[in-house]
Amino acid sequence: MPAPLNHIETTPDLPGSADAVVIGGGIVGVFAAYYLTLRGLRVALVEKGRIGAEQSSRNWGWCRQQNRDARELPMATRSLDLWESFGAESGESTGFSRCGLLYLSNDEAELAGWARWRDFARTVGVTTHMLDATTATQRGTATGRTWKGGVFSPTDGTADPANAAPAVARAMLRRGSTVHQMCAARGLETEGGRVSAVVTERGAIRTRIAILAGGAWSSSFCHQAGIRLPLASIRSSILSVSGGAKGLPDALHTSAVSVTKRGDGGYTLAISGRGRVDPTAQQLRFAPQFLPMFLRRWRSLLPGGLEGVRSGHETLQRWRVDEPTPMERMRILDPRPDQDTIELTHRRALELLPALKGTAISAAWGGYIDSTPDGVPVIGEASGRPGLILAAGFSGHGFGIGPGSGHLVADLVTGAAPIVDPEPYRPERFAGLAVGKVSDF
């Protein structure tokens, strides 16, 4: 069953040209289009399905600095400010709130890791509070348990996955750019090696700038243009329950289960890091680069089945731009959730938070998280393809850092001073089979 999502209207006519074309209407794509529009560019946003219908509406909604990789932390910090300012400047609501994120644990090693991150965060001006046993137990009153410790990150928060991407798209529409849903981008045209047009199922849009923010489809799209982008997707499974539970934190993480209050008053329930690996030709192609990540996460990653093959997002098939593509056969990635995970998540949530026993499951869904070998996104111009800007591989972090990522894309396109150092996100870091060391933080 699809995740809850608000819908927006589509621009009726496809433009013949645009200053920039954004491929993909997830949170990163809509923010890139929005910030480019604010700078006076005519932007066409093309989406094969619906705005926000894939992973941007299938996540927890967390917008966090806590426990971020050191390379990603500056982006997370700036994104929090942008989440706030977007509402004020656009008049649209994404449901963003700096409600604070609460982490509780009885594991000494986990607590020690959080303390090390706290010490690191202090060096870059990020505030996070380690909680002793007394304070953690008080903050975790809703669990009815005692805790050895925890973390509270007061400036972090959540936004509403059901409305965030549509809200940003509405804002860019009002400022003169266009949104084209049910309109797959099939490929690129070039002149002298540089992007000259984006070819869609409804015709070509002449442009010198194409921004690929296609999520789990990005690598197979790049494959058509002879660009090697190592991505592998993990199938996650999440559920939501109805409202009515009282006294719960807005956002709580434990090793057993994590709980987030939704914009509709219900709660999203998930197990952090748990997912299934559905084997595909693309995963086999990039297996050497992903082996270190899989070895680190083998306890939480489970073998999958044929969902990935059926979905077609990781195909190595070469398609033609004058014929329907796999993206038109699978408009919205809506994989079956793993029923064992759904049942385990619900059971753990009821055990952790007795107040949830008065709620009912309202929805359950699956989603594909596109990951890079080092867990940090790719943002930058594709090597050897001037005019093509990649923004993909967000590794489960894309929703929270969507505003900063879109802003950085706009900076790179317009030549403005970048909002953060773009160096850690350069696509060239995955040249060959060399993989950089994953940060301790």
Protein backbone atom coordinates (compact mmCIF):
# COMPACT_ATOMS: atom_id res chain seq x y z
CA MET A 1 0.00 0.00 0.00
CA PRO A 2 1.45 3.40 -0.94
CA ALA A 3 2.69 5.77 1.74
CA PRO A 4 0.40 8.76 2.42
CA LEU A 5 1.07 11.63 0.00
CA ASN A 6 -0.53 14.95 -0.92
CA HIS A 7 -0.84 15.58 -4.64
CA ILE A 8 -0.29 18.70 -6.74
CA GLU A 9 -1.45 19.76 -10.18
CA THR A 10 0.66 19.27 -13.31
CA THR A 11 1.57 22.09 -15.72
CA PRO A 12 -0.48 21.32 -18.86
CA ASP A 13 2.07 22.06 -21.57
CA LEU A 14 5.67 20.92 -21.85
CA PRO A 15 7.99 23.85 -22.63
CA GLY A 16 10.17 23.71 -25.72
CA SER A 17 13.13 25.06 -23.76
CA ALA A 18 14.20 25.86 -20.23
CA ASP A 19 17.23 27.29 -18.47
CA ALA A 20 17.45 24.06 -16.48
CA VAL A 21 15.60 20.75 -16.40
CA VAL A 22 15.39 18.81 -13.14
CA ILE A 23 14.85 15.07 -13.57
CA GLY A 24 13.11 13.64 -10.52
CA GLY A 25 10.49 15.15 -8.20
CA GLY A 26 11.73 13.92 -4.83
CA ILE A 27 12.77 16.27 -2.03
CA VAL A 28 16.21 16.97 -3.51
CA GLY A 29 14.85 17.61 -7.00
CA VAL A 30 12.09 19.97 -5.86
CA PHE A 31 14.44 21.99 -3.65
CA ALA A 32 16.99 22.25 -6.48
CA ALA A 33 14.23 23.48 -8.80
CA TYR A 34 12.94 25.88 -6.15
CA TYR A 35 16.30 27.53 -5.45
CA LEU A 36 17.11 27.80 -9.15
CA THR A 37 13.71 29.43 -9.70
CA LEU A 38 14.42 31.95 -6.93
CA ARG A 39 17.54 32.97 -8.86
CA GLY A 40 15.53 33.81 -11.93
CA LEU A 41 15.99 30.64 -13.99
CA ARG A 42 13.13 29.08 -15.94
CA VAL A 43 13.04 25.54 -14.61
CA ALA A 44 11.13 22.51 -15.87
CA LEU A 45 10.77 19.73 -13.30
CA VAL A 46 9.95 16.37 -14.90
CA GLU A 47 8.79 13.39 -12.87
CA LYS A 48 7.87 9.97 -14.29
CA GLY A 49 5.25 9.49 -11.56
CA ARG A 50 4.07 11.85 -8.84
CA ILE A 51 5.96 14.51 -6.90
CA GLY A 52 7.39 12.94 -3.75
CA ALA A 53 5.84 9.54 -4.39
CA GLU A 54 8.94 7.43 -3.89
CA GLN A 55 11.40 7.61 -0.99
CA SER A 56 10.63 11.24 -0.18
CA SER A 57 7.24 10.20 1.22
CA ARG A 58 8.38 6.81 2.55
CA ASN A 59 10.91 7.91 5.19
CA TRP A 60 10.74 8.77 8.89
CA GLY A 61 10.69 12.53 8.36
CA TRP A 62 13.76 13.15 10.54
CA CYS A 63 15.85 16.28 9.90
CA ARG A 64 18.90 15.69 12.04
CA GLN A 65 22.48 16.62 12.77
CA GLN A 66 22.87 13.94 15.45
CA ASN A 67 25.23 11.10 14.44
CA ARG A 68 25.82 12.49 10.96
CA ASP A 69 28.97 11.60 9.06
CA ALA A 70 31.49 14.42 9.49
CA ARG A 71 31.38 15.11 5.74
CA GLU A 72 27.61 15.47 5.80
CA LEU A 73 27.20 17.42 9.04
CA PRO A 74 27.67 20.93 7.56
CA MET A 75 24.95 20.12 5.02
CA ALA A 76 22.64 18.90 7.78
CA THR A 77 23.17 22.06 9.83
CA ARG A 78 22.47 24.39 6.91
CA SER A 79 19.46 22.31 5.89
CA LEU A 80 17.79 22.81 9.26
CA ASP A 81 18.00 26.58 8.77
CA LEU A 82 16.61 26.22 5.24
CA TRP A 83 13.70 24.05 6.42
CA GLU A 84 12.75 26.92 8.73
CA SER A 85 13.28 29.74 6.26
CA PHE A 86 11.40 27.99 3.45
CA GLY A 87 8.13 28.17 5.34
CA ALA A 88 8.57 31.88 6.07
CA GLU A 89 9.56 32.87 2.52
CA SER A 90 7.13 30.63 0.62
CA GLY A 91 4.00 30.61 2.76
CA GLU A 92 3.92 26.81 2.35
CA SER A 93 4.02 24.33 5.22
CA THR A 94 6.27 21.28 5.15
CA GLY A 95 5.33 20.35 8.71
CA PHE A 96 8.86 21.18 9.87
CA SER A 97 9.42 21.59 13.60
CA ARG A 98 12.57 21.66 15.73
CA CYS A 99 10.94 19.28 18.17
CA GLY A 100 14.25 17.73 19.21
CA LEU A 101 15.23 14.08 18.75
CA LEU A 102 15.49 11.69 21.69
CA TYR A 103 17.79 8.64 21.71
CA LEU A 104 17.66 6.09 24.56
CA SER A 105 19.92 3.11 25.17
CA ASN A 106 20.98 0.47 27.69
CA ASP A 107 24.07 -0.45 25.68
CA GLU A 108 27.35 0.94 27.05
CA ALA A 109 29.12 0.73 23.69
CA GLU A 110 26.33 2.62 21.94
CA LEU A 111 26.34 5.31 24.61
CA ALA A 112 30.12 5.64 24.33
CA GLY A 113 29.78 6.12 20.57
CA TRP A 114 27.21 8.85 21.07
CA ALA A 115 29.51 10.55 23.58
CA ARG A 116 32.37 10.54 21.07
CA TRP A 117 30.09 12.09 18.48
CA ARG A 118 29.02 14.74 21.03
CA ASP A 119 32.67 15.63 21.60
CA PHE A 120 33.25 15.90 17.86
CA ALA A 121 30.07 17.95 17.37
CA ARG A 122 31.25 20.51 19.88
CA THR A 123 34.23 21.28 17.65
CA VAL A 124 31.89 22.38 14.86
CA GLY A 125 29.37 24.25 17.01
CA VAL A 126 26.63 21.60 17.15
CA THR A 127 24.83 21.14 20.47
CA THR A 128 23.78 17.71 21.66
CA HIS A 129 23.13 16.65 25.25
CA MET A 130 24.22 13.33 26.71
CA LEU A 131 21.65 12.10 29.23
CA ASP A 132 22.57 10.25 32.41
CA ALA A 133 20.44 7.36 33.67
CA THR A 134 18.13 9.56 35.72
CA THR A 135 17.46 12.09 32.96
CA ALA A 136 17.14 9.44 30.25
CA THR A 137 14.60 7.54 32.32
CA GLN A 138 12.64 10.74 33.00
CA ARG A 139 12.58 11.68 29.32
CA GLY A 140 11.62 8.11 28.47
CA THR A 141 8.69 8.01 30.89
CA ALA A 142 6.38 6.83 28.11
CA THR A 143 8.36 3.58 27.89
CA GLY A 144 7.89 2.71 31.56
CA ARG A 145 11.51 1.50 31.62
CA THR A 146 14.77 2.54 33.19
CA TRP A 147 17.57 3.54 30.84
CA LYS A 148 21.33 3.74 31.29
CA GLY A 149 21.54 6.89 29.23
CA GLY A 150 20.71 8.65 26.01
CA VAL A 151 21.03 11.73 23.85
CA PHE A 152 18.77 14.70 23.23
CA SER A 153 19.51 16.89 20.21
CA PRO A 154 17.38 19.99 20.82
CA THR A 155 17.87 21.79 17.50
CA ASP A 156 17.03 18.78 15.33
CA GLY A 157 13.50 18.08 14.23
CA THR A 158 11.08 16.50 11.79
CA ALA A 159 9.07 17.44 8.70
CA ASP A 160 6.03 15.81 7.13
CA PRO A 161 6.99 13.35 4.34
CA ALA A 162 3.42 13.38 3.01
CA ASN A 163 3.47 17.10 2.27
CA ALA A 164 7.08 18.34 2.11
CA ALA A 165 7.95 17.70 -1.56
CA PRO A 166 4.51 18.79 -2.83
CA ALA A 167 4.75 22.01 -0.78
CA VAL A 168 8.12 22.91 -2.32
CA ALA A 169 6.84 22.11 -5.82
CA ARG A 170 3.82 24.37 -5.28
CA ALA A 171 6.16 27.18 -4.24
CA MET A 172 8.24 26.90 -7.42
CA LEU A 173 5.10 26.74 -9.55
CA ARG A 174 3.89 30.04 -8.12
CA ARG A 175 7.20 31.63 -9.07
CA GLY A 176 6.88 30.75 -12.73
CA SER A 177 8.58 27.39 -13.23
CA THR A 178 6.77 24.26 -14.40
CA VAL A 179 6.08 20.78 -13.03
CA HIS A 180 5.41 17.81 -15.33
CA GLN A 181 4.16 14.64 -13.64
CA MET A 182 3.66 11.33 -15.42
CA CYS A 183 6.42 12.51 -17.76
CA ALA A 184 9.51 10.32 -17.74
CA ALA A 185 12.87 11.65 -18.87
CA ARG A 186 14.17 9.03 -21.30
CA GLY A 187 17.61 10.42 -22.02
CA LEU A 188 19.83 13.32 -23.00
CA GLU A 189 20.84 14.98 -26.24
CA THR A 190 24.27 16.54 -26.55
CA GLU A 191 26.14 18.95 -28.81
CA GLY A 192 29.91 18.81 -28.69
CA GLY A 193 29.67 16.56 -25.66
CA ARG A 194 27.58 19.08 -23.66
CA VAL A 195 23.97 18.60 -22.67
CA SER A 196 21.69 20.27 -25.20
CA ALA A 197 18.29 18.75 -24.37
CA VAL A 198 16.42 16.38 -22.08
CA VAL A 199 14.28 13.92 -24.03
CA THR A 200 11.01 13.04 -22.28
CA GLU A 201 8.19 10.74 -23.27
CA ARG A 202 6.24 13.86 -24.32
CA GLY A 203 9.01 15.52 -26.30
CA ALA A 204 12.40 17.17 -25.90
CA ILE A 205 13.15 20.23 -23.77
CA ARG A 206 16.12 22.21 -25.02
CA THR A 207 18.45 23.12 -22.19
CA ARG A 208 22.14 23.36 -21.32
CA ILE A 209 21.62 22.21 -17.74
CA ALA A 210 20.13 18.88 -16.66
CA ILE A 211 19.99 17.93 -12.97
CA LEU A 212 19.58 14.23 -12.28
CA ALA A 213 17.85 13.74 -8.93
CA GLY A 214 16.30 10.40 -9.80
CA GLY A 215 16.83 8.53 -6.53
CA ALA A 216 17.03 4.78 -6.99
CA TRP A 217 16.72 5.20 -10.80
CA SER A 218 19.77 7.43 -11.13
CA SER A 219 22.40 4.79 -11.87
CA SER A 220 20.40 3.07 -14.61
CA PHE A 221 19.69 6.49 -16.19
CA CYS A 222 23.41 7.32 -16.09
CA HIS A 223 24.17 3.95 -17.68
CA GLN A 224 22.28 5.10 -20.79
CA ALA A 225 24.71 8.01 -21.12
CA GLY A 226 27.81 5.89 -20.53
CA ILE A 227 28.31 7.26 -17.01
CA ARG A 228 29.31 4.89 -14.23
CA LEU A 229 27.47 5.80 -10.99
CA PRO A 230 27.79 3.09 -8.31
CA LEU A 231 24.49 2.83 -6.44
CA ALA A 232 22.78 -0.03 -4.64
CA SER A 233 19.31 0.13 -3.14
CA ILE A 234 18.04 -1.37 0.08
CA ARG A 235 14.34 -2.22 0.47
CA SER A 236 13.04 -0.81 3.72
CA SER A 237 9.67 -1.54 5.31
CA ILE A 238 7.76 0.95 7.48
CA LEU A 239 4.30 1.23 8.98
CA SER A 240 2.12 3.93 10.47
CA VAL A 241 -0.48 3.74 13.22
CA SER A 242 -3.48 5.93 13.93
CA GLY A 243 -3.47 8.84 16.36
CA GLY A 244 -4.74 8.90 19.90
CA ALA A 245 -1.69 7.83 21.90
CA LYS A 246 -0.84 10.35 24.64
CA GLY A 247 2.44 11.35 26.24
CA LEU A 248 4.81 10.09 23.56
CA PRO A 249 7.93 11.96 22.39
CA ASP A 250 7.63 13.51 18.94
CA ALA A 251 10.68 11.54 17.79
CA LEU A 252 12.29 8.64 19.66
CA HIS A 253 15.05 6.24 18.65
CA THR A 254 16.04 3.01 20.36
CA SER A 255 17.92 0.04 18.95
CA ALA A 256 14.69 -1.95 18.99
CA VAL A 257 12.40 0.50 17.20
CA SER A 258 12.06 4.18 16.31
CA VAL A 259 8.85 6.20 16.54
CA THR A 260 7.95 9.54 14.91
CA LYS A 261 4.80 11.61 15.27
CA ARG A 262 3.19 12.26 11.89
CA GLY A 263 1.49 15.37 10.60
CA ASP A 264 -1.89 13.61 10.80
CA GLY A 265 -1.42 12.83 14.51
CA GLY A 266 -0.48 9.20 13.97
CA TYR A 267 2.98 7.67 14.32
CA THR A 268 5.53 6.18 11.94
CA LEU A 269 7.25 3.03 13.24
CA ALA A 270 10.51 1.62 11.87
CA ILE A 271 13.59 -0.38 12.80
CA SER A 272 16.76 1.58 12.08
CA GLY A 273 19.04 0.03 9.47
CA ARG A 274 16.92 -3.04 8.85
CA GLY A 275 16.24 -3.84 5.21
CA ARG A 276 16.35 -6.44 2.48
CA VAL A 277 18.84 -6.61 -0.36
CA ASP A 278 17.01 -7.57 -3.56
CA PRO A 279 19.69 -8.83 -5.99
CA THR A 280 19.80 -7.13 -9.38
CA ALA A 281 22.22 -6.94 -12.30
CA GLN A 282 23.28 -3.47 -11.15
CA GLN A 283 24.11 -4.72 -7.65
CA LEU A 284 26.25 -7.48 -9.09
CA ARG A 285 28.02 -4.94 -11.28
CA PHE A 286 28.99 -2.77 -8.32
CA ALA A 287 29.41 -5.57 -5.75
CA PRO A 288 33.17 -5.03 -5.20
CA GLN A 289 32.59 -1.44 -4.11
CA PHE A 290 29.69 -2.28 -1.84
CA LEU A 291 31.20 -5.32 -0.16
CA PRO A 292 32.75 -3.32 2.73
CA MET A 293 29.41 -1.68 3.50
CA PHE A 294 27.54 -4.98 3.42
CA LEU A 295 30.11 -6.57 5.72
CA ARG A 296 29.66 -3.75 8.25
CA ARG A 297 25.88 -4.04 8.15
CA TRP A 298 25.39 -7.79 7.74
CA ARG A 299 23.49 -8.09 11.02
CA SER A 300 20.70 -5.75 9.86
CA LEU A 301 20.58 -6.48 6.12
CA LEU A 302 18.60 -9.54 5.05
CA PRO A 303 18.60 -11.31 1.68
CA GLY A 304 15.72 -10.26 -0.51
CA GLY A 305 13.93 -11.67 -3.50
CA LEU A 306 12.83 -10.64 -6.98
CA GLU A 307 11.22 -7.32 -6.02
CA GLY A 308 14.19 -5.40 -7.42
CA VAL A 309 14.13 -7.23 -10.74
CA ARG A 310 10.38 -6.70 -11.08
CA SER A 311 10.69 -3.00 -10.25
CA GLY A 312 13.28 -2.47 -12.98
CA HIS A 313 15.03 0.49 -11.36
CA GLU A 314 18.43 -1.23 -11.35
CA THR A 315 18.39 -2.58 -14.85
CA LEU A 316 21.44 -2.64 -17.09
CA GLN A 317 19.16 -2.66 -20.10
CA ARG A 318 19.86 -0.07 -22.78
CA TRP A 319 16.65 1.64 -23.83
CA ARG A 320 15.71 3.87 -26.76
CA VAL A 321 14.47 7.43 -26.31
CA ASP A 322 11.74 6.92 -28.90
CA GLU A 323 10.16 3.95 -27.10
CA PRO A 324 8.68 3.38 -23.62
CA THR A 325 11.32 2.76 -20.96
CA PRO A 326 11.30 0.79 -17.67
CA MET A 327 10.43 4.07 -15.91
CA GLU A 328 7.13 4.25 -17.76
CA ARG A 329 6.32 0.66 -16.90
CA MET A 330 6.99 1.36 -13.21
CA ARG A 331 5.79 4.92 -12.66
CA ILE A 332 6.18 4.75 -8.88
CA LEU A 333 8.43 2.36 -7.00
CA ASP A 334 6.03 0.71 -4.58
CA PRO A 335 7.68 -2.56 -3.54
CA ARG A 336 5.95 -4.96 -1.22
CA PRO A 337 6.90 -4.36 2.41
CA ASP A 338 8.57 -7.24 4.19
CA GLN A 339 5.75 -8.67 6.31
CA ASP A 340 8.12 -10.17 8.89
CA THR A 341 9.67 -6.74 9.43
CA ILE A 342 6.28 -5.06 9.68
CA GLU A 343 5.11 -7.53 12.31
CA LEU A 344 8.37 -7.31 14.25
CA THR A 345 8.34 -3.51 14.15
CA HIS A 346 4.76 -3.31 15.40
CA ARG A 347 5.37 -5.83 18.16
CA ARG A 348 8.48 -4.02 19.37
CA ALA A 349 6.70 -0.65 19.30
CA LEU A 350 3.82 -1.93 21.43
CA GLU A 351 6.30 -3.42 23.91
CA LEU A 352 8.29 -0.18 24.10
CA LEU A 353 5.37 2.26 24.25
CA PRO A 354 2.23 0.82 25.88
CA ALA A 355 0.20 3.90 24.86
CA LEU A 356 0.34 2.65 21.26
CA LYS A 357 -1.83 -0.35 22.17
CA GLY A 358 -4.88 1.85 21.68
CA THR A 359 -3.94 2.58 18.07
CA ALA A 360 -4.40 0.58 14.87
CA ILE A 361 -2.13 0.03 11.89
CA SER A 362 -3.21 2.55 9.24
CA ALA A 363 -0.69 1.75 6.50
CA ALA A 364 2.44 -0.26 5.72
CA TRP A 365 4.76 0.28 2.78
CA GLY A 366 8.12 -0.52 1.26
CA GLY A 367 10.64 1.79 -0.35
CA TYR A 368 14.05 1.66 -2.03
CA ILE A 369 16.88 3.64 -0.42
CA ASP A 370 19.59 4.47 -2.96
CA SER A 371 23.04 4.20 -1.36
CA THR A 372 26.62 4.96 -2.35
CA PRO A 373 29.55 2.78 -1.24
CA ASP A 374 30.59 5.32 1.43
CA GLY A 375 27.11 6.41 2.52
CA VAL A 376 27.59 10.02 1.36
CA PRO A 377 25.66 11.43 -1.61
CA VAL A 378 27.00 12.35 -5.03
CA ILE A 379 26.44 16.02 -5.87
CA GLY A 380 28.30 17.62 -8.74
CA GLU A 381 28.82 17.72 -12.49
CA ALA A 382 29.29 14.35 -14.15
CA SER A 383 32.83 13.85 -15.36
CA GLY A 384 33.02 14.17 -19.12
CA ARG A 385 29.42 15.34 -19.47
CA PRO A 386 29.28 19.15 -19.11
CA GLY A 387 25.86 20.38 -18.12
CA LEU A 388 24.77 17.21 -16.31
CA ILE A 389 24.61 17.71 -12.54
CA LEU A 390 24.21 14.58 -10.41
CA ALA A 391 22.37 14.64 -7.10
CA ALA A 392 21.85 11.05 -6.01
CA GLY A 393 22.88 8.30 -3.61
CA PHE A 394 21.55 9.95 -0.46
CA SER A 395 21.77 6.67 1.47
CA GLY A 396 18.70 7.22 3.62
CA HIS A 397 19.63 10.81 4.55
CA GLY A 398 18.16 12.69 1.61
CA PHE A 399 14.94 13.91 3.21
CA GLY A 400 16.63 15.74 6.08
CA ILE A 401 19.35 17.32 3.94
CA GLY A 402 17.12 17.92 0.93
CA PRO A 403 17.05 21.74 1.29
CA GLY A 404 20.84 22.07 1.60
CA SER A 405 21.44 19.64 -1.25
CA GLY A 406 19.06 21.51 -3.55
CA HIS A 407 20.70 24.79 -2.57
CA LEU A 408 24.16 23.39 -3.33
CA VAL A 409 22.96 22.22 -6.76
CA ALA A 410 21.67 25.73 -7.47
CA ASP A 411 25.01 27.17 -6.32
CA LEU A 412 26.95 24.89 -8.66
CA VAL A 413 24.70 25.71 -11.61
CA THR A 414 24.79 29.49 -11.14
CA GLY A 415 28.39 29.80 -9.99
CA ALA A 416 27.42 31.22 -6.60
CA ALA A 417 29.50 30.66 -3.48
CA PRO A 418 28.53 27.13 -2.37
CA ILE A 419 26.45 26.82 0.77
CA VAL A 420 28.86 24.09 1.95
CA ASP A 421 32.15 22.73 0.67
CA PRO A 422 31.19 20.58 -2.35
CA GLU A 423 34.41 18.55 -2.28
CA PRO A 424 33.13 15.60 -0.14
CA TYR A 425 30.29 15.02 -2.63
CA ARG A 426 32.29 15.02 -5.87
CA PRO A 427 31.26 12.20 -8.24
CA GLU A 428 34.92 11.61 -9.17
CA ARG A 429 35.63 10.00 -5.79
CA PHE A 430 34.19 6.77 -7.15
CA ALA A 431 36.47 6.59 -10.17
CA GLY A 432 37.65 3.02 -10.70
CA LEU A 433 37.16 0.73 -7.72
CA ALA A 434 38.85 2.87 -5.07
CA VAL A 435 36.62 3.70 -2.11
CA GLY A 436 37.55 6.30 0.49
CA LYS A 437 37.57 5.42 4.18
CA VAL A 438 34.20 5.82 5.84
CA SER A 439 34.35 8.51 8.50
CA ASP A 440 34.17 7.45 12.15
CA PHE A 441 31.40 9.95 12.49
